[in-house]
Amino acid sequence: MLYFVVAEALTNVAKHSGATSAQVQVNRRDGAVCGRITDNGRGSAYVTPGGGLSGIGDRVRSAGGTFTLTSPEGGPTEIEVLVPCES
C-alpha cells in the first residue's frame, strides 16, 4: 500500500508541482504505518475526482486508513497517510 502512495505522490510532484526537492518519511505510529511525502513546489494541489490524489485517498481509505493533503498556495505540499498495521 505505502509503495503505491509514495510512487503516485512522487509522480505528481514530478509532473505538477515545479518542486526542486521532495522528502519521503515512513514510520510506525500507534498500530499504523505513517507515510509523509513533502515537496517544495508551488502548492495549491487539490483532490480532483478521478485524479491521482483522489486515487491515493480512495486506496488508503479502502484499507481502513486516513489521507490528508495540505497544500497552501506557494507551498509546500504535504501528503500524510496512516494505514493500519498490526504486526
PDB file of N, CA and C in Angstrom:
ATOM      1  N   MET A   1       0.822  -1.199   0.000  1.00  0.00           N
ATOM      2  CA  MET A   1       0.000   0.000   0.000  1.00  0.00           C
ATOM      3  C   MET A   1       0.864   1.260   0.000  1.00  0.00           C
ATOM      4  N   LEU A   2       1.825   1.329   0.924  1.00  0.00           N
ATOM      5  CA  LEU A   2       2.635   2.536   1.013  1.00  0.00           C
ATOM      6  C   LEU A   2       3.501   2.745  -0.226  1.00  0.00           C
ATOM      7  N   TYR A   3       3.926   1.661  -0.851  1.00  0.00           N
ATOM      8  CA  TYR A   3       4.687   1.778  -2.096  1.00  0.00           C
ATOM      9  C   TYR A   3       3.862   2.543  -3.135  1.00  0.00           C
ATOM     10  N   PHE A   4       2.595   2.164  -3.299  1.00  0.00           N
ATOM     11  CA  PHE A   4       1.717   2.840  -4.251  1.00  0.00           C
ATOM     12  C   PHE A   4       1.579   4.322  -3.899  1.00  0.00           C
ATOM     13  N   VAL A   5       1.363   4.619  -2.636  1.00  0.00           N
ATOM     14  CA  VAL A   5       1.184   6.007  -2.201  1.00  0.00           C
ATOM     15  C   VAL A   5       2.415   6.839  -2.552  1.00  0.00           C
ATOM     16  N   VAL A   6       3.591   6.332  -2.197  1.00  0.00           N
ATOM     17  CA  VAL A   6       4.830   7.072  -2.453  1.00  0.00           C
ATOM     18  C   VAL A   6       5.061   7.232  -3.955  1.00  0.00           C
ATOM     19  N   ALA A   7       4.888   6.150  -4.712  1.00  0.00           N
ATOM     20  CA  ALA A   7       5.115   6.215  -6.156  1.00  0.00           C
ATOM     21  C   ALA A   7       4.170   7.218  -6.827  1.00  0.00           C
ATOM     22  N   GLU A   8       2.904   7.171  -6.489  1.00  0.00           N
ATOM     23  CA  GLU A   8       1.935   8.090  -7.096  1.00  0.00           C
ATOM     24  C   GLU A   8       2.188   9.529  -6.659  1.00  0.00           C
ATOM     25  N   ALA A   9       2.505   9.724  -5.388  1.00  0.00           N
ATOM     26  CA  ALA A   9       2.766  11.079  -4.898  1.00  0.00           C
ATOM     27  C   ALA A   9       3.999  11.679  -5.574  1.00  0.00           C
ATOM     28  N   LEU A  10       5.066  10.889  -5.712  1.00  0.00           N
ATOM     29  CA  LEU A  10       6.267  11.411  -6.359  1.00  0.00           C
ATOM     30  C   LEU A  10       6.045  11.662  -7.851  1.00  0.00           C
ATOM     31  N   THR A  11       5.205  10.858  -8.479  1.00  0.00           N
ATOM     32  CA  THR A  11       4.839  11.119  -9.868  1.00  0.00           C
ATOM     33  C   THR A  11       4.142  12.465  -9.977  1.00  0.00           C
ATOM     34  N   ASN A  12       3.222  12.745  -9.058  1.00  0.00           N
ATOM     35  CA  ASN A  12       2.524  14.037  -9.056  1.00  0.00           C
ATOM     36  C   ASN A  12       3.492  15.190  -8.809  1.00  0.00           C
ATOM     37  N   VAL A  13       4.459  14.990  -7.914  1.00  0.00           N
ATOM     38  CA  VAL A  13       5.467  16.028  -7.669  1.00  0.00           C
ATOM     39  C   VAL A  13       6.202  16.345  -8.967  1.00  0.00           C
ATOM     40  N   ALA A  14       6.665  15.304  -9.653  1.00  0.00           N
ATOM     41  CA  ALA A  14       7.439  15.495 -10.878  1.00  0.00           C
ATOM     42  C   ALA A  14       6.621  16.145 -11.995  1.00  0.00           C
ATOM     43  N   LYS A  15       5.348  15.782 -12.102  1.00  0.00           N
ATOM     44  CA  LYS A  15       4.515  16.289 -13.197  1.00  0.00           C
ATOM     45  C   LYS A  15       3.952  17.686 -12.960  1.00  0.00           C
ATOM     46  N   HIS A  16       3.596  17.990 -11.716  1.00  0.00           N
ATOM     47  CA  HIS A  16       2.739  19.161 -11.493  1.00  0.00           C
ATOM     48  C   HIS A  16       3.266  20.237 -10.548  1.00  0.00           C
ATOM     49  N   SER A  17       4.206  19.923  -9.673  1.00  0.00           N
ATOM     50  CA  SER A  17       4.488  20.839  -8.567  1.00  0.00           C
ATOM     51  C   SER A  17       5.500  21.933  -8.855  1.00  0.00           C
ATOM     52  N   GLY A  18       6.405  21.687  -9.805  1.00  0.00           N
ATOM     53  CA  GLY A  18       7.501  22.622 -10.005  1.00  0.00           C
ATOM     54  C   GLY A  18       8.537  22.546  -8.895  1.00  0.00           C
ATOM     55  N   ALA A  19       8.499  21.493  -8.096  1.00  0.00           N
ATOM     56  CA  ALA A  19       9.402  21.339  -6.958  1.00  0.00           C
ATOM     57  C   ALA A  19      10.824  21.017  -7.407  1.00  0.00           C
ATOM     58  N   THR A  20      11.779  21.432  -6.589  1.00  0.00           N
ATOM     59  CA  THR A  20      13.177  21.070  -6.809  1.00  0.00           C
ATOM     60  C   THR A  20      13.629  19.968  -5.855  1.00  0.00           C
ATOM     61  N   SER A  21      12.788  19.657  -4.849  1.00  0.00           N
ATOM     62  CA  SER A  21      13.115  18.559  -3.940  1.00  0.00           C
ATOM     63  C   SER A  21      11.834  18.003  -3.328  1.00  0.00           C
ATOM     64  N   ALA A  22      11.945  16.762  -2.896  1.00  0.00           N
ATOM     65  CA  ALA A  22      10.842  16.093  -2.209  1.00  0.00           C
ATOM     66  C   ALA A  22      11.441  15.198  -1.127  1.00  0.00           C
ATOM     67  N   GLN A  23      10.687  14.993  -0.075  1.00  0.00           N
ATOM     68  CA  GLN A  23      11.114  14.136   1.026  1.00  0.00           C
ATOM     69  C   GLN A  23      10.048  13.081   1.277  1.00  0.00           C
ATOM     70  N   VAL A  24      10.507  11.888   1.623  1.00  0.00           N
ATOM     71  CA  VAL A  24       9.607  10.785   1.965  1.00  0.00           C
ATOM     72  C   VAL A  24      10.007  10.284   3.348  1.00  0.00           C
ATOM     73  N   GLN A  25       9.034  10.174   4.234  1.00  0.00           N
ATOM     74  CA  GLN A  25       9.258   9.603   5.566  1.00  0.00           C
ATOM     75  C   GLN A  25       8.244   8.497   5.782  1.00  0.00           C
ATOM     76  N   VAL A  26       8.702   7.380   6.311  1.00  0.00           N
ATOM     77  CA  VAL A  26       7.822   6.263   6.643  1.00  0.00           C
ATOM     78  C   VAL A  26       8.193   5.795   8.039  1.00  0.00           C
ATOM     79  N   ASN A  27       7.181   5.660   8.913  1.00  0.00           N
ATOM     80  CA  ASN A  27       7.430   5.138  10.256  1.00  0.00           C
ATOM     81  C   ASN A  27       6.159   4.534  10.829  1.00  0.00           C
ATOM     82  N   ARG A  28       6.306   3.856  11.953  1.00  0.00           N
ATOM     83  CA  ARG A  28       5.141   3.285  12.649  1.00  0.00           C
ATOM     84  C   ARG A  28       4.621   4.293  13.661  1.00  0.00           C
ATOM     85  N   ARG A  29       3.306   4.313  13.803  1.00  0.00           N
ATOM     86  CA  ARG A  29       2.685   5.197  14.786  1.00  0.00           C
ATOM     87  C   ARG A  29       1.395   4.559  15.273  1.00  0.00           C
ATOM     88  N   ASP A  30       1.341   4.220  16.548  1.00  0.00           N
ATOM     89  CA  ASP A  30       0.108   3.750  17.182  1.00  0.00           C
ATOM     90  C   ASP A  30      -0.611   2.662  16.381  1.00  0.00           C
ATOM     91  N   GLY A  31       0.081   1.575  16.045  1.00  0.00           N
ATOM     92  CA  GLY A  31      -0.544   0.472  15.328  1.00  0.00           C
ATOM     93  C   GLY A  31      -0.803   0.744  13.861  1.00  0.00           C
ATOM     94  N   ALA A  32      -0.146   1.753  13.313  1.00  0.00           N
ATOM     95  CA  ALA A  32      -0.320   2.089  11.899  1.00  0.00           C
ATOM     96  C   ALA A  32       1.050   2.402  11.293  1.00  0.00           C
ATOM     97  N   VAL A  33       1.098   2.341   9.978  1.00  0.00           N
ATOM     98  CA  VAL A  33       2.269   2.814   9.254  1.00  0.00           C
ATOM     99  C   VAL A  33       1.915   4.207   8.731  1.00  0.00           C
ATOM    100  N   CYS A  34       2.786   5.147   8.993  1.00  0.00           N
ATOM    101  CA  CYS A  34       2.573   6.532   8.578  1.00  0.00           C
ATOM    102  C   CYS A  34       3.530   6.852   7.441  1.00  0.00           C
ATOM    103  N   GLY A  35       3.008   7.380   6.363  1.00  0.00           N
ATOM    104  CA  GLY A  35       3.829   7.852   5.261  1.00  0.00           C
ATOM    105  C   GLY A  35       3.596   9.333   5.058  1.00  0.00           C
ATOM    106  N   ARG A  36       4.682  10.088   4.901  1.00  0.00           N
ATOM    107  CA  ARG A  36       4.567  11.525   4.671  1.00  0.00           C
ATOM    108  C   ARG A  36       5.451  11.880   3.476  1.00  0.00           C
ATOM    109  N   ILE A  37       4.863  12.533   2.495  1.00  0.00           N
ATOM    110  CA  ILE A  37       5.583  12.982   1.314  1.00  0.00           C
ATOM    111  C   ILE A  37       5.424  14.495   1.246  1.00  0.00           C
ATOM    112  N   THR A  38       6.539  15.197   1.210  1.00  0.00           N
ATOM    113  CA  THR A  38       6.527  16.661   1.200  1.00  0.00           C
ATOM    114  C   THR A  38       7.382  17.151   0.038  1.00  0.00           C
ATOM    115  N   ASP A  39       6.935  18.220  -0.613  1.00  0.00           N
ATOM    116  CA  ASP A  39       7.758  18.829  -1.661  1.00  0.00           C
ATOM    117  C   ASP A  39       7.822  20.338  -1.452  1.00  0.00           C
ATOM    118  N   ASN A  40       8.769  20.973  -2.130  1.00  0.00           N
ATOM    119  CA  ASN A  40       8.925  22.419  -2.002  1.00  0.00           C
ATOM    120  C   ASN A  40       8.369  23.157  -3.229  1.00  0.00           C
ATOM    121  N   GLY A  41       7.366  22.572  -3.847  1.00  0.00           N
ATOM    122  CA  GLY A  41       6.765  23.156  -5.046  1.00  0.00           C
ATOM    123  C   GLY A  41       5.844  24.322  -4.763  1.00  0.00           C
ATOM    124  N   ARG A  42       5.078  24.677  -5.791  1.00  0.00           N
ATOM    125  CA  ARG A  42       4.239  25.882  -5.736  1.00  0.00           C
ATOM    126  C   ARG A  42       2.954  25.729  -4.918  1.00  0.00           C
ATOM    127  N   GLY A  43       2.621  24.507  -4.500  1.00  0.00           N
ATOM    128  CA  GLY A  43       1.415  24.312  -3.699  1.00  0.00           C
ATOM    129  C   GLY A  43       0.152  24.374  -4.534  1.00  0.00           C
ATOM    130  N   SER A  44      -0.949  24.600  -3.863  1.00  0.00           N
ATOM    131  CA  SER A  44      -2.279  24.688  -4.477  1.00  0.00           C
ATOM    132  C   SER A  44      -2.757  23.368  -5.075  1.00  0.00           C
ATOM    133  N   ALA A  45      -2.217  22.249  -4.605  1.00  0.00           N
ATOM    134  CA  ALA A  45      -2.712  20.940  -5.052  1.00  0.00           C
ATOM    135  C   ALA A  45      -4.076  20.696  -4.425  1.00  0.00           C
ATOM    136  N   TYR A  46      -4.937  20.001  -5.140  1.00  0.00           N
ATOM    137  CA  TYR A  46      -6.246  19.673  -4.615  1.00  0.00           C
ATOM    138  C   TYR A  46      -6.696  18.334  -5.199  1.00  0.00           C
ATOM    139  N   VAL A  47      -7.619  17.709  -4.511  1.00  0.00           N
ATOM    140  CA  VAL A  47      -8.146  16.410  -4.929  1.00  0.00           C
ATOM    141  C   VAL A  47      -9.222  16.629  -5.978  1.00  0.00           C
ATOM    142  N   THR A  48      -9.035  15.995  -7.141  1.00  0.00           N
ATOM    143  CA  THR A  48      -9.997  16.050  -8.232  1.00  0.00           C
ATOM    144  C   THR A  48     -10.541  14.641  -8.457  1.00  0.00           C
ATOM    145  N   PRO A  49     -11.860  14.456  -8.524  1.00  0.00           N
ATOM    146  CA  PRO A  49     -12.390  13.112  -8.783  1.00  0.00           C
ATOM    147  C   PRO A  49     -11.739  12.483 -10.009  1.00  0.00           C
ATOM    148  N   GLY A  50     -11.238  11.275  -9.838  1.00  0.00           N
ATOM    149  CA  GLY A  50     -10.585  10.557 -10.928  1.00  0.00           C
ATOM    150  C   GLY A  50      -9.120  10.897 -11.097  1.00  0.00           C
ATOM    151  N   GLY A  51      -8.608  11.865 -10.342  1.00  0.00           N
ATOM    152  CA  GLY A  51      -7.205  12.264 -10.443  1.00  0.00           C
ATOM    153  C   GLY A  51      -6.307  11.404  -9.561  1.00  0.00           C
ATOM    154  N   GLY A  52      -5.009  11.649  -9.649  1.00  0.00           N
ATOM    155  CA  GLY A  52      -4.034  10.872  -8.899  1.00  0.00           C
ATOM    156  C   GLY A  52      -4.189  10.978  -7.394  1.00  0.00           C
ATOM    157  N   LEU A  53      -4.415  12.181  -6.887  1.00  0.00           N
ATOM    158  CA  LEU A  53      -4.586  12.349  -5.444  1.00  0.00           C
ATOM    159  C   LEU A  53      -5.859  11.674  -4.958  1.00  0.00           C
ATOM    160  N   SER A  54      -6.904  11.721  -5.771  1.00  0.00           N
ATOM    161  CA  SER A  54      -8.148  11.033  -5.437  1.00  0.00           C
ATOM    162  C   SER A  54      -7.916   9.525  -5.340  1.00  0.00           C
ATOM    163  N   GLY A  55      -7.135   8.986  -6.275  1.00  0.00           N
ATOM    164  CA  GLY A  55      -6.825   7.561  -6.264  1.00  0.00           C
ATOM    165  C   GLY A  55      -6.051   7.145  -5.028  1.00  0.00           C
ATOM    166  N   ILE A  56      -5.098   7.985  -4.619  1.00  0.00           N
ATOM    167  CA  ILE A  56      -4.353   7.691  -3.395  1.00  0.00           C
ATOM    168  C   ILE A  56      -5.309   7.637  -2.210  1.00  0.00           C
ATOM    169  N   GLY A  57      -6.121   8.667  -2.066  1.00  0.00           N
ATOM    170  CA  GLY A  57      -7.064   8.719  -0.945  1.00  0.00           C
ATOM    171  C   GLY A  57      -8.026   7.554  -0.940  1.00  0.00           C
ATOM    172  N   ASP A  58      -8.560   7.203  -2.102  1.00  0.00           N
ATOM    173  CA  ASP A  58      -9.505   6.080  -2.191  1.00  0.00           C
ATOM    174  C   ASP A  58      -8.862   4.774  -1.746  1.00  0.00           C
ATOM    175  N   ARG A  59      -7.640   4.510  -2.218  1.00  0.00           N
ATOM    176  CA  ARG A  59      -6.962   3.258  -1.841  1.00  0.00           C
ATOM    177  C   ARG A  59      -6.652   3.205  -0.354  1.00  0.00           C
ATOM    178  N   VAL A  60      -6.173   4.305   0.180  1.00  0.00           N
ATOM    179  CA  VAL A  60      -5.833   4.346   1.603  1.00  0.00           C
ATOM    180  C   VAL A  60      -7.083   4.139   2.454  1.00  0.00           C
ATOM    181  N   ARG A  61      -8.168   4.831   2.121  1.00  0.00           N
ATOM    182  CA  ARG A  61      -9.411   4.675   2.900  1.00  0.00           C
ATOM    183  C   ARG A  61      -9.989   3.272   2.764  1.00  0.00           C
ATOM    184  N   SER A  62      -9.828   2.634   1.594  1.00  0.00           N
ATOM    185  CA  SER A  62     -10.349   1.273   1.425  1.00  0.00           C
ATOM    186  C   SER A  62      -9.591   0.274   2.298  1.00  0.00           C
ATOM    187  N   ALA A  63      -8.381   0.631   2.721  1.00  0.00           N
ATOM    188  CA  ALA A  63      -7.604  -0.218   3.624  1.00  0.00           C
ATOM    189  C   ALA A  63      -7.824   0.176   5.082  1.00  0.00           C
ATOM    190  N   GLY A  64      -8.780   1.070   5.335  1.00  0.00           N
ATOM    191  CA  GLY A  64      -9.079   1.496   6.699  1.00  0.00           C
ATOM    192  C   GLY A  64      -8.186   2.616   7.198  1.00  0.00           C
ATOM    193  N   GLY A  65      -7.476   3.271   6.293  1.00  0.00           N
ATOM    194  CA  GLY A  65      -6.556   4.325   6.690  1.00  0.00           C
ATOM    195  C   GLY A  65      -7.110   5.717   6.486  1.00  0.00           C
ATOM    196  N   THR A  66      -6.243   6.699   6.701  1.00  0.00           N
ATOM    197  CA  THR A  66      -6.607   8.100   6.516  1.00  0.00           C
ATOM    198  C   THR A  66      -5.636   8.754   5.537  1.00  0.00           C
ATOM    199  N   PHE A  67      -6.129   9.764   4.834  1.00  0.00           N
ATOM    200  CA  PHE A  67      -5.367  10.513   3.841  1.00  0.00           C
ATOM    201  C   PHE A  67      -5.565  11.992   4.128  1.00  0.00           C
ATOM    202  N   THR A  68      -4.458  12.724   4.247  1.00  0.00           N
ATOM    203  CA  THR A  68      -4.533  14.156   4.487  1.00  0.00           C
ATOM    204  C   THR A  68      -3.635  14.874   3.478  1.00  0.00           C
ATOM    205  N   LEU A  69      -4.182  15.884   2.834  1.00  0.00           N
ATOM    206  CA  LEU A  69      -3.434  16.712   1.899  1.00  0.00           C
ATOM    207  C   LEU A  69      -3.417  18.140   2.437  1.00  0.00           C
ATOM    208  N   THR A  70      -2.216  18.711   2.546  1.00  0.00           N
ATOM    209  CA  THR A  70      -2.054  20.114   2.914  1.00  0.00           C
ATOM    210  C   THR A  70      -1.223  20.762   1.821  1.00  0.00           C
ATOM    211  N   SER A  71      -1.780  21.790   1.171  1.00  0.00           N
ATOM    212  CA  SER A  71      -1.076  22.383   0.035  1.00  0.00           C
ATOM    213  C   SER A  71      -1.477  23.847  -0.150  1.00  0.00           C
ATOM    214  N   PRO A  72      -1.002  24.712   0.742  1.00  0.00           N
ATOM    215  CA  PRO A  72      -1.354  26.129   0.583  1.00  0.00           C
ATOM    216  C   PRO A  72      -0.701  26.714  -0.668  1.00  0.00           C
ATOM    217  N   GLU A  73      -1.295  27.769  -1.196  1.00  0.00           N
ATOM    218  CA  GLU A  73      -0.708  28.461  -2.346  1.00  0.00           C
ATOM    219  C   GLU A  73       0.707  28.901  -1.983  1.00  0.00           C
ATOM    220  N   GLY A  74       1.647  28.621  -2.842  1.00  0.00           N
ATOM    221  CA  GLY A  74       3.049  28.943  -2.583  1.00  0.00           C
ATOM    222  C   GLY A  74       3.820  27.793  -1.952  1.00  0.00           C
ATOM    223  N   GLY A  75       3.095  26.744  -1.540  1.00  0.00           N
ATOM    224  CA  GLY A  75       3.710  25.544  -0.994  1.00  0.00           C
ATOM    225  C   GLY A  75       4.048  25.674   0.470  1.00  0.00           C
ATOM    226  N   PRO A  76       4.595  24.662   1.047  1.00  0.00           N
ATOM    227  CA  PRO A  76       4.862  23.359   0.448  1.00  0.00           C
ATOM    228  C   PRO A  76       3.601  22.493   0.402  1.00  0.00           C
ATOM    229  N   THR A  77       3.704  21.379  -0.304  1.00  0.00           N
ATOM    230  CA  THR A  77       2.623  20.401  -0.328  1.00  0.00           C
ATOM    231  C   THR A  77       3.043  19.216   0.529  1.00  0.00           C
ATOM    232  N   GLU A  78       2.099  18.728   1.331  1.00  0.00           N
ATOM    233  CA  GLU A  78       2.364  17.564   2.176  1.00  0.00           C
ATOM    234  C   GLU A  78       1.200  16.603   2.077  1.00  0.00           C
ATOM    235  N   ILE A  79       1.515  15.338   1.848  1.00  0.00           N
ATOM    236  CA  ILE A  79       0.550  14.258   1.900  1.00  0.00           C
ATOM    237  C   ILE A  79       0.935  13.391   3.087  1.00  0.00           C
ATOM    238  N   GLU A  80      -0.042  13.083   3.926  1.00  0.00           N
ATOM    239  CA  GLU A  80       0.197  12.153   5.032  1.00  0.00           C
ATOM    240  C   GLU A  80      -0.860  11.075   4.999  1.00  0.00           C
ATOM    241  N   VAL A  81      -0.422   9.834   5.079  1.00  0.00           N
ATOM    242  CA  VAL A  81      -1.351   8.704   5.132  1.00  0.00           C
ATOM    243  C   VAL A  81      -1.022   7.868   6.350  1.00  0.00           C
ATOM    244  N   LEU A  82      -2.065   7.330   6.971  1.00  0.00           N
ATOM    245  CA  LEU A  82      -1.935   6.370   8.063  1.00  0.00           C
ATOM    246  C   LEU A  82      -2.696   5.131   7.646  1.00  0.00           C
ATOM    247  N   VAL A  83      -2.006   3.988   7.663  1.00  0.00           N
ATOM    248  CA  VAL A  83      -2.606   2.723   7.245  1.00  0.00           C
ATOM    249  C   VAL A  83      -2.461   1.745   8.409  1.00  0.00           C
ATOM    250  N   PRO A  84      -3.564   1.110   8.853  1.00  0.00           N
ATOM    251  CA  PRO A  84      -3.469   0.161   9.966  1.00  0.00           C
ATOM    252  C   PRO A  84      -2.417  -0.922   9.701  1.00  0.00           C
ATOM    253  N   CYS A  85      -1.677  -1.269  10.745  1.00  0.00           N
ATOM    254  CA  CYS A  85      -0.643  -2.306  10.642  1.00  0.00           C
ATOM    255  C   CYS A  85      -0.526  -2.976  12.005  1.00  0.00           C
ATOM    256  N   GLU A  86      -0.972  -4.203  12.108  1.00  0.00           N
ATOM    257  CA  GLU A  86      -0.983  -4.883  13.396  1.00  0.00           C
ATOM    258  C   GLU A  86       0.354  -5.515  13.787  1.00  0.00           C
ATOM    259  N   SER A  87       1.190  -5.847  12.814  1.00  0.00           N
ATOM    260  CA  SER A  87       2.436  -6.530  13.210  1.00  0.00           C
ATOM    261  C   SER A  87       3.673  -5.779  12.799  1.00  0.00           C
TER     262      SER A  87
END
